[in-house]
PDB file of N, CA and C in Angstrom:
ATOM      1  N   MET A   1       9.540 -40.642   8.934  1.00  0.00           N
ATOM      2  CA  MET A   1       8.997 -39.976  10.076  1.00  0.00           C
ATOM      3  C   MET A   1       8.095 -38.854   9.588  1.00  0.00           C
ATOM      4  N   GLN A   2       6.859 -38.812  10.060  1.00  0.00           N
ATOM      5  CA  GLN A   2       5.895 -37.822   9.622  1.00  0.00           C
ATOM      6  C   GLN A   2       5.844 -36.654  10.598  1.00  0.00           C
ATOM      7  N   PRO A   3       5.609 -35.446  10.081  1.00  0.00           N
ATOM      8  CA  PRO A   3       5.498 -34.310  10.986  1.00  0.00           C
ATOM      9  C   PRO A   3       4.208 -34.411  11.789  1.00  0.00           C
ATOM     10  N   SER A   4       4.260 -33.914  12.993  1.00  0.00           N
ATOM     11  CA  SER A   4       3.054 -33.951  13.817  1.00  0.00           C
ATOM     12  C   SER A   4       2.034 -32.970  13.286  1.00  0.00           C
ATOM     13  N   ARG A   5       0.754 -33.281  13.533  1.00  0.00           N
ATOM     14  CA  ARG A   5      -0.319 -32.457  12.979  1.00  0.00           C
ATOM     15  C   ARG A   5      -0.330 -31.054  13.586  1.00  0.00           C
ATOM     16  N   GLY A   6       0.080 -30.914  14.804  1.00  0.00           N
ATOM     17  CA  GLY A   6       0.018 -29.621  15.478  1.00  0.00           C
ATOM     18  C   GLY A   6       1.250 -28.763  15.261  1.00  0.00           C
ATOM     19  N   ALA A   7       2.227 -29.232  14.486  1.00  0.00           N
ATOM     20  CA  ALA A   7       3.475 -28.487  14.303  1.00  0.00           C
ATOM     21  C   ALA A   7       3.227 -27.276  13.411  1.00  0.00           C
ATOM     22  N   THR A   8       3.833 -26.167  13.774  1.00  0.00           N
ATOM     23  CA  THR A   8       3.723 -24.951  12.973  1.00  0.00           C
ATOM     24  C   THR A   8       5.124 -24.431  12.686  1.00  0.00           C
ATOM     25  N   ALA A   9       5.201 -23.609  11.677  1.00  0.00           N
ATOM     26  CA  ALA A   9       6.483 -23.005  11.335  1.00  0.00           C
ATOM     27  C   ALA A   9       6.860 -22.028  12.433  1.00  0.00           C
ATOM     28  N   PRO A  10       8.155 -21.847  12.694  1.00  0.00           N
ATOM     29  CA  PRO A  10       8.555 -20.895  13.733  1.00  0.00           C
ATOM     30  C   PRO A  10       8.078 -19.492  13.373  1.00  0.00           C
ATOM     31  N   ALA A  11       7.621 -18.780  14.356  1.00  0.00           N
ATOM     32  CA  ALA A  11       7.123 -17.419  14.138  1.00  0.00           C
ATOM     33  C   ALA A  11       8.290 -16.490  13.856  1.00  0.00           C
ATOM     34  N   PRO A  12       8.075 -15.511  12.975  1.00  0.00           N
ATOM     35  CA  PRO A  12       9.147 -14.553  12.721  1.00  0.00           C
ATOM     36  C   PRO A  12       9.392 -13.714  13.962  1.00  0.00           C
ATOM     37  N   PRO A  13      10.610 -13.222  14.135  1.00  0.00           N
ATOM     38  CA  PRO A  13      10.910 -12.440  15.324  1.00  0.00           C
ATOM     39  C   PRO A  13      10.069 -11.168  15.365  1.00  0.00           C
ATOM     40  N   PRO A  14       9.746 -10.664  16.546  1.00  0.00           N
ATOM     41  CA  PRO A  14       8.986  -9.417  16.645  1.00  0.00           C
ATOM     42  C   PRO A  14       9.773  -8.265  16.019  1.00  0.00           C
ATOM     43  N   ASN A  15       9.074  -7.156  15.758  1.00  0.00           N
ATOM     44  CA  ASN A  15       9.696  -6.012  15.077  1.00  0.00           C
ATOM     45  C   ASN A  15      10.824  -5.382  15.868  1.00  0.00           C
ATOM     46  N   ASN A  16      10.873  -5.598  17.187  1.00  0.00           N
ATOM     47  CA  ASN A  16      11.931  -4.971  17.978  1.00  0.00           C
ATOM     48  C   ASN A  16      13.173  -5.856  18.074  1.00  0.00           C
ATOM     49  N   ASP A  17      13.234  -6.914  17.272  1.00  0.00           N
ATOM     50  CA  ASP A  17      14.409  -7.790  17.244  1.00  0.00           C
ATOM     51  C   ASP A  17      15.213  -7.563  15.967  1.00  0.00           C
ATOM     52  N   ILE A  18      16.491  -7.819  16.049  1.00  0.00           N
ATOM     53  CA  ILE A  18      17.376  -7.720  14.878  1.00  0.00           C
ATOM     54  C   ILE A  18      17.889  -9.118  14.580  1.00  0.00           C
ATOM     55  N   VAL A  19      17.704  -9.537  13.331  1.00  0.00           N
ATOM     56  CA  VAL A  19      18.224 -10.835  12.887  1.00  0.00           C
ATOM     57  C   VAL A  19      19.441 -10.537  12.022  1.00  0.00           C
ATOM     58  N   PHE A  20      20.564 -11.181  12.343  1.00  0.00           N
ATOM     59  CA  PHE A  20      21.784 -10.945  11.566  1.00  0.00           C
ATOM     60  C   PHE A  20      22.668 -12.175  11.643  1.00  0.00           C
ATOM     61  N   ALA A  21      23.728 -12.186  10.853  1.00  0.00           N
ATOM     62  CA  ALA A  21      24.662 -13.316  10.818  1.00  0.00           C
ATOM     63  C   ALA A  21      26.036 -12.847  11.268  1.00  0.00           C
ATOM     64  N   CYS A  22      26.774 -13.768  11.872  1.00  0.00           N
ATOM     65  CA  CYS A  22      28.147 -13.488  12.278  1.00  0.00           C
ATOM     66  C   CYS A  22      28.957 -13.122  11.037  1.00  0.00           C
ATOM     67  N   GLN A  23      29.800 -12.132  11.154  1.00  0.00           N
ATOM     68  CA  GLN A  23      30.621 -11.673  10.032  1.00  0.00           C
ATOM     69  C   GLN A  23      31.684 -12.692   9.639  1.00  0.00           C
ATOM     70  N   HIS A  24      31.980 -13.627  10.519  1.00  0.00           N
ATOM     71  CA  HIS A  24      33.063 -14.574  10.284  1.00  0.00           C
ATOM     72  C   HIS A  24      32.575 -15.959   9.871  1.00  0.00           C
ATOM     73  N   CYS A  25      31.532 -16.469  10.586  1.00  0.00           N
ATOM     74  CA  CYS A  25      31.108 -17.853  10.314  1.00  0.00           C
ATOM     75  C   CYS A  25      29.669 -17.952   9.825  1.00  0.00           C
ATOM     76  N   ALA A  26      28.967 -16.835   9.706  1.00  0.00           N
ATOM     77  CA  ALA A  26      27.592 -16.761   9.200  1.00  0.00           C
ATOM     78  C   ALA A  26      26.566 -17.422  10.113  1.00  0.00           C
ATOM     79  N   THR A  27      26.893 -17.608  11.378  1.00  0.00           N
ATOM     80  CA  THR A  27      25.920 -18.124  12.339  1.00  0.00           C
ATOM     81  C   THR A  27      24.842 -17.068  12.538  1.00  0.00           C
ATOM     82  N   SER A  28      23.578 -17.495  12.511  1.00  0.00           N
ATOM     83  CA  SER A  28      22.468 -16.553  12.670  1.00  0.00           C
ATOM     84  C   SER A  28      22.255 -16.186  14.126  1.00  0.00           C
ATOM     85  N   PHE A  29      21.911 -14.924  14.348  1.00  0.00           N
ATOM     86  CA  PHE A  29      21.613 -14.417  15.680  1.00  0.00           C
ATOM     87  C   PHE A  29      20.325 -13.623  15.632  1.00  0.00           C
ATOM     88  N   VAL A  30      19.617 -13.610  16.748  1.00  0.00           N
ATOM     89  CA  VAL A  30      18.455 -12.751  16.952  1.00  0.00           C
ATOM     90  C   VAL A  30      18.697 -12.046  18.273  1.00  0.00           C
ATOM     91  N   VAL A  31      18.734 -10.707  18.209  1.00  0.00           N
ATOM     92  CA  VAL A  31      18.971  -9.933  19.426  1.00  0.00           C
ATOM     93  C   VAL A  31      17.936  -8.815  19.507  1.00  0.00           C
ATOM     94  N   ASP A  32      17.777  -8.275  20.669  1.00  0.00           N
ATOM     95  CA  ASP A  32      16.868  -7.155  20.868  1.00  0.00           C
ATOM     96  C   ASP A  32      17.417  -5.930  20.141  1.00  0.00           C
ATOM     97  N   ALA A  33      16.522  -5.072  19.670  1.00  0.00           N
ATOM     98  CA  ALA A  33      16.922  -3.876  18.920  1.00  0.00           C
ATOM     99  C   ALA A  33      17.807  -2.956  19.749  1.00  0.00           C
ATOM    100  N   ALA A  34      17.721  -3.049  21.053  1.00  0.00           N
ATOM    101  CA  ALA A  34      18.549  -2.200  21.919  1.00  0.00           C
ATOM    102  C   ALA A  34      20.030  -2.538  21.772  1.00  0.00           C
ATOM    103  N   ALA A  35      20.346  -3.721  21.242  1.00  0.00           N
ATOM    104  CA  ALA A  35      21.748  -4.128  21.085  1.00  0.00           C
ATOM    105  C   ALA A  35      22.362  -3.607  19.781  1.00  0.00           C
ATOM    106  N   ALA A  36      21.611  -2.849  19.007  1.00  0.00           N
ATOM    107  CA  ALA A  36      22.117  -2.336  17.727  1.00  0.00           C
ATOM    108  C   ALA A  36      23.408  -1.564  17.937  1.00  0.00           C
ATOM    109  N   GLY A  37      24.426  -1.902  17.154  1.00  0.00           N
ATOM    110  CA  GLY A  37      25.713  -1.224  17.213  1.00  0.00           C
ATOM    111  C   GLY A  37      26.691  -1.825  18.208  1.00  0.00           C
ATOM    112  N   LEU A  38      26.220  -2.715  19.060  1.00  0.00           N
ATOM    113  CA  LEU A  38      27.123  -3.334  20.039  1.00  0.00           C
ATOM    114  C   LEU A  38      27.945  -4.434  19.384  1.00  0.00           C
ATOM    115  N   GLN A  39      29.047  -4.764  20.037  1.00  0.00           N
ATOM    116  CA  GLN A  39      29.893  -5.843  19.543  1.00  0.00           C
ATOM    117  C   GLN A  39      29.704  -7.054  20.460  1.00  0.00           C
ATOM    118  N   LEU A  40      29.380  -8.199  19.847  1.00  0.00           N
ATOM    119  CA  LEU A  40      29.163  -9.442  20.592  1.00  0.00           C
ATOM    120  C   LEU A  40      30.206 -10.464  20.192  1.00  0.00           C
ATOM    121  N   THR A  41      30.439 -11.425  21.064  1.00  0.00           N
ATOM    122  CA  THR A  41      31.327 -12.533  20.734  1.00  0.00           C
ATOM    123  C   THR A  41      30.463 -13.671  20.215  1.00  0.00           C
ATOM    124  N   CYS A  42      30.795 -14.163  19.022  1.00  0.00           N
ATOM    125  CA  CYS A  42      30.034 -15.255  18.412  1.00  0.00           C
ATOM    126  C   CYS A  42      30.178 -16.505  19.277  1.00  0.00           C
ATOM    127  N   GLN A  43      29.059 -17.167  19.545  1.00  0.00           N
ATOM    128  CA  GLN A  43      29.072 -18.366  20.380  1.00  0.00           C
ATOM    129  C   GLN A  43      29.670 -19.561  19.643  1.00  0.00           C
ATOM    130  N   LYS A  44      29.654 -19.494  18.314  1.00  0.00           N
ATOM    131  CA  LYS A  44      30.169 -20.629  17.541  1.00  0.00           C
ATOM    132  C   LYS A  44      31.675 -20.509  17.277  1.00  0.00           C
ATOM    133  N   CYS A  45      32.095 -19.349  16.715  1.00  0.00           N
ATOM    134  CA  CYS A  45      33.504 -19.222  16.322  1.00  0.00           C
ATOM    135  C   CYS A  45      34.334 -18.423  17.323  1.00  0.00           C
ATOM    136  N   GLY A  46      33.679 -17.726  18.249  1.00  0.00           N
ATOM    137  CA  GLY A  46      34.407 -16.964  19.266  1.00  0.00           C
ATOM    138  C   GLY A  46      34.931 -15.619  18.785  1.00  0.00           C
ATOM    139  N   GLU A  47      34.660 -15.256  17.551  1.00  0.00           N
ATOM    140  CA  GLU A  47      35.135 -13.976  17.005  1.00  0.00           C
ATOM    141  C   GLU A  47      34.153 -12.855  17.355  1.00  0.00           C
ATOM    142  N   PRO A  48      34.648 -11.634  17.478  1.00  0.00           N
ATOM    143  CA  PRO A  48      33.738 -10.514  17.741  1.00  0.00           C
ATOM    144  C   PRO A  48      32.954 -10.157  16.479  1.00  0.00           C
ATOM    145  N   THR A  49      31.692  -9.873  16.631  1.00  0.00           N
ATOM    146  CA  THR A  49      30.843  -9.467  15.508  1.00  0.00           C
ATOM    147  C   THR A  49      29.964  -8.315  15.963  1.00  0.00           C
ATOM    148  N   THR A  50      29.698  -7.390  15.103  1.00  0.00           N
ATOM    149  CA  THR A  50      28.927  -6.200  15.439  1.00  0.00           C
ATOM    150  C   THR A  50      27.473  -6.392  15.052  1.00  0.00           C
ATOM    151  N   VAL A  51      26.583  -6.029  15.957  1.00  0.00           N
ATOM    152  CA  VAL A  51      25.147  -6.082  15.678  1.00  0.00           C
ATOM    153  C   VAL A  51      24.818  -4.904  14.764  1.00  0.00           C
ATOM    154  N   PRO A  52      24.237  -5.180  13.607  1.00  0.00           N
ATOM    155  CA  PRO A  52      23.933  -4.079  12.682  1.00  0.00           C
ATOM    156  C   PRO A  52      22.847  -3.162  13.246  1.00  0.00           C
ATOM    157  N   ASN A  53      22.868  -1.920  12.795  1.00  0.00           N
ATOM    158  CA  ASN A  53      21.850  -0.954  13.197  1.00  0.00           C
ATOM    159  C   ASN A  53      20.958  -0.712  11.983  1.00  0.00           C
ATOM    160  N   PRO A  54      19.761  -1.301  11.955  1.00  0.00           N
ATOM    161  CA  PRO A  54      18.886  -1.166  10.788  1.00  0.00           C
ATOM    162  C   PRO A  54      18.572   0.279  10.435  1.00  0.00           C
ATOM    163  N   ALA A  55      18.434   1.145  11.425  1.00  0.00           N
ATOM    164  CA  ALA A  55      18.126   2.548  11.148  1.00  0.00           C
ATOM    165  C   ALA A  55      19.265   3.195  10.365  1.00  0.00           C
ATOM    166  N   LEU A  56      20.521   2.920  10.762  1.00  0.00           N
ATOM    167  CA  LEU A  56      21.673   3.478  10.045  1.00  0.00           C
ATOM    168  C   LEU A  56      21.801   2.873   8.659  1.00  0.00           C
ATOM    169  N   GLU A  57      21.521   1.572   8.550  1.00  0.00           N
ATOM    170  CA  GLU A  57      21.623   0.919   7.248  1.00  0.00           C
ATOM    171  C   GLU A  57      20.595   1.469   6.280  1.00  0.00           C
ATOM    172  N   ASP A  58      19.366   1.744   6.778  1.00  0.00           N
ATOM    173  CA  ASP A  58      18.332   2.311   5.921  1.00  0.00           C
ATOM    174  C   ASP A  58      18.735   3.695   5.436  1.00  0.00           C
ATOM    175  N   SER A  59      19.243   4.547   6.362  1.00  0.00           N
ATOM    176  CA  SER A  59      19.632   5.895   5.958  1.00  0.00           C
ATOM    177  C   SER A  59      20.874   5.840   5.079  1.00  0.00           C
ATOM    178  N   SER A  60      21.762   4.897   5.339  1.00  0.00           N
ATOM    179  CA  SER A  60      22.955   4.735   4.522  1.00  0.00           C
ATOM    180  C   SER A  60      22.575   4.265   3.122  1.00  0.00           C
ATOM    181  N   ALA A  61      21.655   3.313   3.047  1.00  0.00           N
ATOM    182  CA  ALA A  61      21.204   2.820   1.740  1.00  0.00           C
ATOM    183  C   ALA A  61      20.495   3.939   0.983  1.00  0.00           C
ATOM    184  N   GLU A  62      19.721   4.734   1.701  1.00  0.00           N
ATOM    185  CA  GLU A  62      19.019   5.849   1.066  1.00  0.00           C
ATOM    186  C   GLU A  62      20.014   6.889   0.565  1.00  0.00           C
ATOM    187  N   ALA A  63      21.041   7.173   1.346  1.00  0.00           N
ATOM    188  CA  ALA A  63      22.067   8.132   0.938  1.00  0.00           C
ATOM    189  C   ALA A  63      22.813   7.626  -0.292  1.00  0.00           C
ATOM    190  N   LEU A  64      23.094   6.320  -0.326  1.00  0.00           N
ATOM    191  CA  LEU A  64      23.735   5.731  -1.503  1.00  0.00           C
ATOM    192  C   LEU A  64      22.852   5.861  -2.727  1.00  0.00           C
ATOM    193  N   LYS A  65      21.565   5.600  -2.565  1.00  0.00           N
ATOM    194  CA  LYS A  65      20.612   5.700  -3.675  1.00  0.00           C
ATOM    195  C   LYS A  65      20.549   7.133  -4.190  1.00  0.00           C
ATOM    196  N   ILE A  66      20.483   8.092  -3.257  1.00  0.00           N
ATOM    197  CA  ILE A  66      20.443   9.507  -3.640  1.00  0.00           C
ATOM    198  C   ILE A  66      21.714   9.884  -4.390  1.00  0.00           C
ATOM    199  N   SER A  67      22.853   9.454  -3.883  1.00  0.00           N
ATOM    200  CA  SER A  67      24.132   9.739  -4.520  1.00  0.00           C
ATOM    201  C   SER A  67      24.181   9.141  -5.926  1.00  0.00           C
ATOM    202  N   ASP A  68      23.707   7.908  -6.062  1.00  0.00           N
ATOM    203  CA  ASP A  68      23.707   7.252  -7.362  1.00  0.00           C
ATOM    204  C   ASP A  68      22.779   7.977  -8.335  1.00  0.00           C
ATOM    205  N   LEU A  69      21.604   8.384  -7.868  1.00  0.00           N
ATOM    206  CA  LEU A  69      20.671   9.110  -8.737  1.00  0.00           C
ATOM    207  C   LEU A  69      21.248  10.454  -9.158  1.00  0.00           C
ATOM    208  N   GLN A  70      21.926  11.142  -8.238  1.00  0.00           N
ATOM    209  CA  GLN A  70      22.548  12.427  -8.584  1.00  0.00           C
ATOM    210  C   GLN A  70      23.651  12.228  -9.624  1.00  0.00           C
ATOM    211  N   ARG A  71      24.430  11.155  -9.479  1.00  0.00           N
ATOM    212  CA  ARG A  71      25.482  10.854 -10.453  1.00  0.00           C
ATOM    213  C   ARG A  71      24.867  10.572 -11.819  1.00  0.00           C
ATOM    214  N   GLN A  72      23.773   9.807 -11.839  1.00  0.00           N
ATOM    215  CA  GLN A  72      23.107   9.493 -13.106  1.00  0.00           C
ATOM    216  C   GLN A  72      22.530  10.753 -13.751  1.00  0.00           C
ATOM    217  N   LEU A  73      21.960  11.649 -12.931  1.00  0.00           N
ATOM    218  CA  LEU A  73      21.437  12.907 -13.468  1.00  0.00           C
ATOM    219  C   LEU A  73      22.548  13.754 -14.075  1.00  0.00           C
ATOM    220  N   LYS A  74      23.687  13.806 -13.384  1.00  0.00           N
ATOM    221  CA  LYS A  74      24.827  14.589 -13.882  1.00  0.00           C
ATOM    222  C   LYS A  74      25.330  14.003 -15.204  1.00  0.00           C
ATOM    223  N   GLU A  75      25.428  12.675 -15.269  1.00  0.00           N
ATOM    224  CA  GLU A  75      25.868  12.006 -16.497  1.00  0.00           C
ATOM    225  C   GLU A  75      24.870  12.253 -17.623  1.00  0.00           C
ATOM    226  N   ASN A  76      23.581  12.185 -17.292  1.00  0.00           N
ATOM    227  CA  ASN A  76      22.536  12.428 -18.281  1.00  0.00           C
ATOM    228  C   ASN A  76      22.633  13.853 -18.842  1.00  0.00           C
ATOM    229  N   GLU A  77      22.821  14.821 -17.947  1.00  0.00           N
ATOM    230  CA  GLU A  77      22.936  16.215 -18.370  1.00  0.00           C
ATOM    231  C   GLU A  77      24.170  16.413 -19.247  1.00  0.00           C
ATOM    232  N   SER A  78      25.261  15.757 -18.906  1.00  0.00           N
ATOM    233  CA  SER A  78      26.476  15.842 -19.708  1.00  0.00           C
ATOM    234  C   SER A  78      26.240  15.304 -21.119  1.00  0.00           C
ATOM    235  N   GLN A  79      25.550  14.169 -21.203  1.00  0.00           N
ATOM    236  CA  GLN A  79      25.251  13.582 -22.513  1.00  0.00           C
ATOM    237  C   GLN A  79      24.294  14.467 -23.306  1.00  0.00           C
ATOM    238  N   ARG A  80      23.315  15.077 -22.618  1.00  0.00           N
ATOM    239  CA  ARG A  80      22.391  15.984 -23.303  1.00  0.00           C
ATOM    240  C   ARG A  80      23.149  17.180 -23.882  1.00  0.00           C
ATOM    241  N   THR A  81      24.073  17.721 -23.093  1.00  0.00           N
ATOM    242  CA  THR A  81      24.868  18.864 -23.546  1.00  0.00           C
ATOM    243  C   THR A  81      25.699  18.483 -24.767  1.00  0.00           C
ATOM    244  N   GLU A  82      26.314  17.304 -24.726  1.00  0.00           N
ATOM    245  CA  GLU A  82      27.121  16.832 -25.845  1.00  0.00           C
ATOM    246  C   GLU A  82      26.273  16.674 -27.105  1.00  0.00           C
ATOM    247  N   ILE A  83      25.114  16.066 -26.967  1.00  0.00           N
ATOM    248  CA  ILE A  83      24.241  15.841 -28.128  1.00  0.00           C
ATOM    249  C   ILE A  83      23.712  17.163 -28.666  1.00  0.00           C
ATOM    250  N   THR A  84      23.375  18.098 -27.775  1.00  0.00           N
ATOM    251  CA  THR A  84      22.914  19.416 -28.218  1.00  0.00           C
ATOM    252  C   THR A  84      24.009  20.110 -29.024  1.00  0.00           C
ATOM    253  N   GLY A  85      25.251  19.971 -28.585  1.00  0.00           N
ATOM    254  CA  GLY A  85      26.379  20.541 -29.334  1.00  0.00           C
ATOM    255  C   GLY A  85      26.490  19.941 -30.726  1.00  0.00           C
ATOM    256  N   TYR A  86      26.324  18.606 -30.808  1.00  0.00           N
ATOM    257  CA  TYR A  86      26.366  17.956 -32.125  1.00  0.00           C
ATOM    258  C   TYR A  86      25.236  18.469 -33.019  1.00  0.00           C
ATOM    259  N   ILE A  87      24.059  18.596 -32.455  1.00  0.00           N
ATOM    260  CA  ILE A  87      22.910  19.078 -33.234  1.00  0.00           C
ATOM    261  C   ILE A  87      23.181  20.491 -33.743  1.00  0.00           C
ATOM    262  N   ASN A  88      23.727  21.353 -32.886  1.00  0.00           N
ATOM    263  CA  ASN A  88      24.038  22.724 -33.309  1.00  0.00           C
ATOM    264  C   ASN A  88      25.076  22.738 -34.428  1.00  0.00           C
ATOM    265  N   GLN A  89      26.130  21.922 -34.282  1.00  0.00           N
ATOM    266  CA  GLN A  89      27.153  21.857 -35.328  1.00  0.00           C
ATOM    267  C   GLN A  89      26.550  21.389 -36.652  1.00  0.00           C
ATOM    268  N   LEU A  90      25.724  20.340 -36.564  1.00  0.00           N
ATOM    269  CA  LEU A  90      25.120  19.800 -37.786  1.00  0.00           C
ATOM    270  C   LEU A  90      24.107  20.769 -38.389  1.00  0.00           C
ATOM    271  N   SER A  91      23.420  21.541 -37.563  1.00  0.00           N
ATOM    272  CA  SER A  91      22.480  22.552 -38.076  1.00  0.00           C
ATOM    273  C   SER A  91      23.231  23.626 -38.853  1.00  0.00           C
ATOM    274  N   ILE A  92      24.376  24.038 -38.312  1.00  0.00           N
ATOM    275  CA  ILE A  92      25.199  25.031 -39.018  1.00  0.00           C
ATOM    276  C   ILE A  92      25.694  24.453 -40.348  1.00  0.00           C
ATOM    277  N   GLN A  93      26.163  23.220 -40.311  1.00  0.00           N
ATOM    278  CA  GLN A  93      26.645  22.580 -41.539  1.00  0.00           C
ATOM    279  C   GLN A  93      25.519  22.448 -42.560  1.00  0.00           C
ATOM    280  N   LEU A  94      24.324  22.075 -42.105  1.00  0.00           N
ATOM    281  CA  LEU A  94      23.174  21.955 -43.000  1.00  0.00           C
ATOM    282  C   LEU A  94      22.860  23.297 -43.645  1.00  0.00           C
ATOM    283  N   HIS A  95      22.884  24.366 -42.843  1.00  0.00           N
ATOM    284  CA  HIS A  95      22.622  25.702 -43.381  1.00  0.00           C
ATOM    285  C   HIS A  95      23.654  26.071 -44.453  1.00  0.00           C
ATOM    286  N   ARG A  96      24.922  25.731 -44.216  1.00  0.00           N
ATOM    287  CA  ARG A  96      25.971  26.004 -45.220  1.00  0.00           C
ATOM    288  C   ARG A  96      25.705  25.246 -46.516  1.00  0.00           C
ATOM    289  N   TRP A  97      25.332  23.972 -46.393  1.00  0.00           N
ATOM    290  CA  TRP A  97      25.054  23.175 -47.591  1.00  0.00           C
ATOM    291  C   TRP A  97      23.822  23.697 -48.323  1.00  0.00           C
ATOM    292  N   GLN A  98      22.822  24.179 -47.577  1.00  0.00           N
ATOM    293  CA  GLN A  98      21.638  24.742 -48.222  1.00  0.00           C
ATOM    294  C   GLN A  98      21.995  26.005 -49.000  1.00  0.00           C
ATOM    295  N   LEU A  99      22.852  26.850 -48.407  1.00  0.00           N
ATOM    296  CA  LEU A  99      23.302  28.048 -49.119  1.00  0.00           C
ATOM    297  C   LEU A  99      24.097  27.680 -50.369  1.00  0.00           C
ATOM    298  N   ARG A 100      24.939  26.679 -50.246  1.00  0.00           N
ATOM    299  CA  ARG A 100      25.743  26.209 -51.392  1.00  0.00           C
ATOM    300  C   ARG A 100      24.832  25.667 -52.487  1.00  0.00           C
ATOM    301  N   LEU A 101      23.813  24.913 -52.097  1.00  0.00           N
ATOM    302  CA  LEU A 101      22.864  24.364 -53.062  1.00  0.00           C
ATOM    303  C   LEU A 101      22.101  25.486 -53.766  1.00  0.00           C
ATOM    304  N   LYS A 102      21.688  26.486 -53.016  1.00  0.00           N
ATOM    305  CA  LYS A 102      20.991  27.639 -53.602  1.00  0.00           C
ATOM    306  C   LYS A 102      21.900  28.353 -54.598  1.00  0.00           C
ATOM    307  N   SER A 103      23.161  28.535 -54.223  1.00  0.00           N
ATOM    308  CA  SER A 103      24.133  29.180 -55.103  1.00  0.00           C
ATOM    309  C   SER A 103      24.320  28.376 -56.393  1.00  0.00           C
ATOM    310  N   LEU A 104      24.413  27.061 -56.267  1.00  0.00           N
ATOM    311  CA  LEU A 104      24.578  26.207 -57.454  1.00  0.00           C
ATOM    312  C   LEU A 104      23.322  26.241 -58.330  1.00  0.00           C
ATOM    313  N   HIS A 105      22.165  26.295 -57.701  1.00  0.00           N
ATOM    314  CA  HIS A 105      20.912  26.354 -58.458  1.00  0.00           C
ATOM    315  C   HIS A 105      20.840  27.674 -59.257  1.00  0.00           C
ATOM    316  N   GLU A 106      21.213  28.784 -58.613  1.00  0.00           N
ATOM    317  CA  GLU A 106      21.230  30.083 -59.296  1.00  0.00           C
ATOM    318  C   GLU A 106      22.231  30.069 -60.449  1.00  0.00           C
ATOM    319  N   ARG A 107      23.375  29.468 -60.204  1.00  0.00           N
ATOM    320  CA  ARG A 107      24.406  29.377 -61.259  1.00  0.00           C
ATOM    321  C   ARG A 107      23.897  28.535 -62.426  1.00  0.00           C
ATOM    322  N   GLN A 108      23.201  27.427 -62.092  1.00  0.00           N
ATOM    323  CA  GLN A 108      22.647  26.565 -63.134  1.00  0.00           C
ATOM    324  C   GLN A 108      21.660  27.349 -63.998  1.00  0.00           C
ATOM    325  N   GLN A 109      20.775  28.139 -63.376  1.00  0.00           N
ATOM    326  CA  GLN A 109      19.800  28.929 -64.134  1.00  0.00           C
ATOM    327  C   GLN A 109      20.503  29.952 -65.030  1.00  0.00           C
ATOM    328  N   LYS A 110      21.533  30.592 -64.508  1.00  0.00           N
ATOM    329  CA  LYS A 110      22.285  31.587 -65.274  1.00  0.00           C
ATOM    330  C   LYS A 110      22.960  30.932 -66.480  1.00  0.00           C
ATOM    331  N   LEU A 111      23.589  29.778 -66.273  1.00  0.00           N
ATOM    332  CA  LEU A 111      24.269  29.078 -67.366  1.00  0.00           C
ATOM    333  C   LEU A 111      23.273  28.585 -68.412  1.00  0.00           C
ATOM    334  N   GLN A 112      22.115  28.116 -67.969  1.00  0.00           N
ATOM    335  CA  GLN A 112      21.102  27.655 -68.926  1.00  0.00           C
ATOM    336  C   GLN A 112      20.560  28.828 -69.746  1.00  0.00           C
ATOM    337  N   ALA A 113      20.423  29.999 -69.103  1.00  0.00           N
ATOM    338  CA  ALA A 113      19.967  31.190 -69.815  1.00  0.00           C
ATOM    339  C   ALA A 113      21.000  31.595 -70.862  1.00  0.00           C
ATOM    340  N   GLU A 114      22.263  31.566 -70.516  1.00  0.00           N
ATOM    341  CA  GLU A 114      23.322  31.900 -71.476  1.00  0.00           C
ATOM    342  C   GLU A 114      23.334  30.911 -72.645  1.00  0.00           C
ATOM    343  N   LEU A 115      23.149  29.630 -72.297  1.00  0.00           N
ATOM    344  CA  LEU A 115      23.137  28.602 -73.325  1.00  0.00           C
ATOM    345  C   LEU A 115      21.944  28.818 -74.288  1.00  0.00           C
ATOM    346  N   ALA A 116      20.822  29.185 -73.731  1.00  0.00           N
ATOM    347  CA  ALA A 116      19.638  29.443 -74.564  1.00  0.00           C
ATOM    348  C   ALA A 116      19.872  30.644 -75.464  1.00  0.00           C
ATOM    349  N   GLU A 117      20.543  31.699 -74.976  1.00  0.00           N
ATOM    350  CA  GLU A 117      20.870  32.879 -75.768  1.00  0.00           C
ATOM    351  C   GLU A 117      21.792  32.515 -76.944  1.00  0.00           C
ATOM    352  N   LEU A 118      22.791  31.662 -76.637  1.00  0.00           N
ATOM    353  CA  LEU A 118      23.739  31.258 -77.680  1.00  0.00           C
ATOM    354  C   LEU A 118      23.073  30.347 -78.706  1.00  0.00           C
ATOM    355  N   ALA A 119      22.112  29.557 -78.276  1.00  0.00           N
ATOM    356  CA  ALA A 119      21.421  28.642 -79.195  1.00  0.00           C
ATOM    357  C   ALA A 119      20.526  29.438 -80.150  1.00  0.00           C
ATOM    358  N   LYS A 120      19.995  30.579 -79.697  1.00  0.00           N
ATOM    359  CA  LYS A 120      19.159  31.415 -80.564  1.00  0.00           C
ATOM    360  C   LYS A 120      19.995  32.093 -81.645  1.00  0.00           C
ATOM    361  N   SER A 121      21.221  32.343 -81.365  1.00  0.00           N
ATOM    362  CA  SER A 121      22.058  33.086 -82.295  1.00  0.00           C
ATOM    363  C   SER A 121      22.537  32.248 -83.446  1.00  0.00           C
TER     364      SER A 121
END
């Protein structure tokens, strides 16, 4: 069976309509935006289902995103603080080793000078 030449795809619902699925049986519904938040009885399964409110979902999704970004920023700052602490500890340790190396170098020069004095004698 061939499709007719004049057939077109169904038009998407206008912007003032809400498309959603039954929470129980996934039957698709299209309702006017004024029904947002109301509870309807599904024509297929007979169970009550709530019409979603896109405005609340958008603000809820945005609030979740903001919360997640704030959590990530806090975690990032915590890791930065930890790494800065490690860098400070290692800088102090490096300074100690540099002082120790300088001390050993001075001692080496002193011992070599003494050895040279004894070799002359």
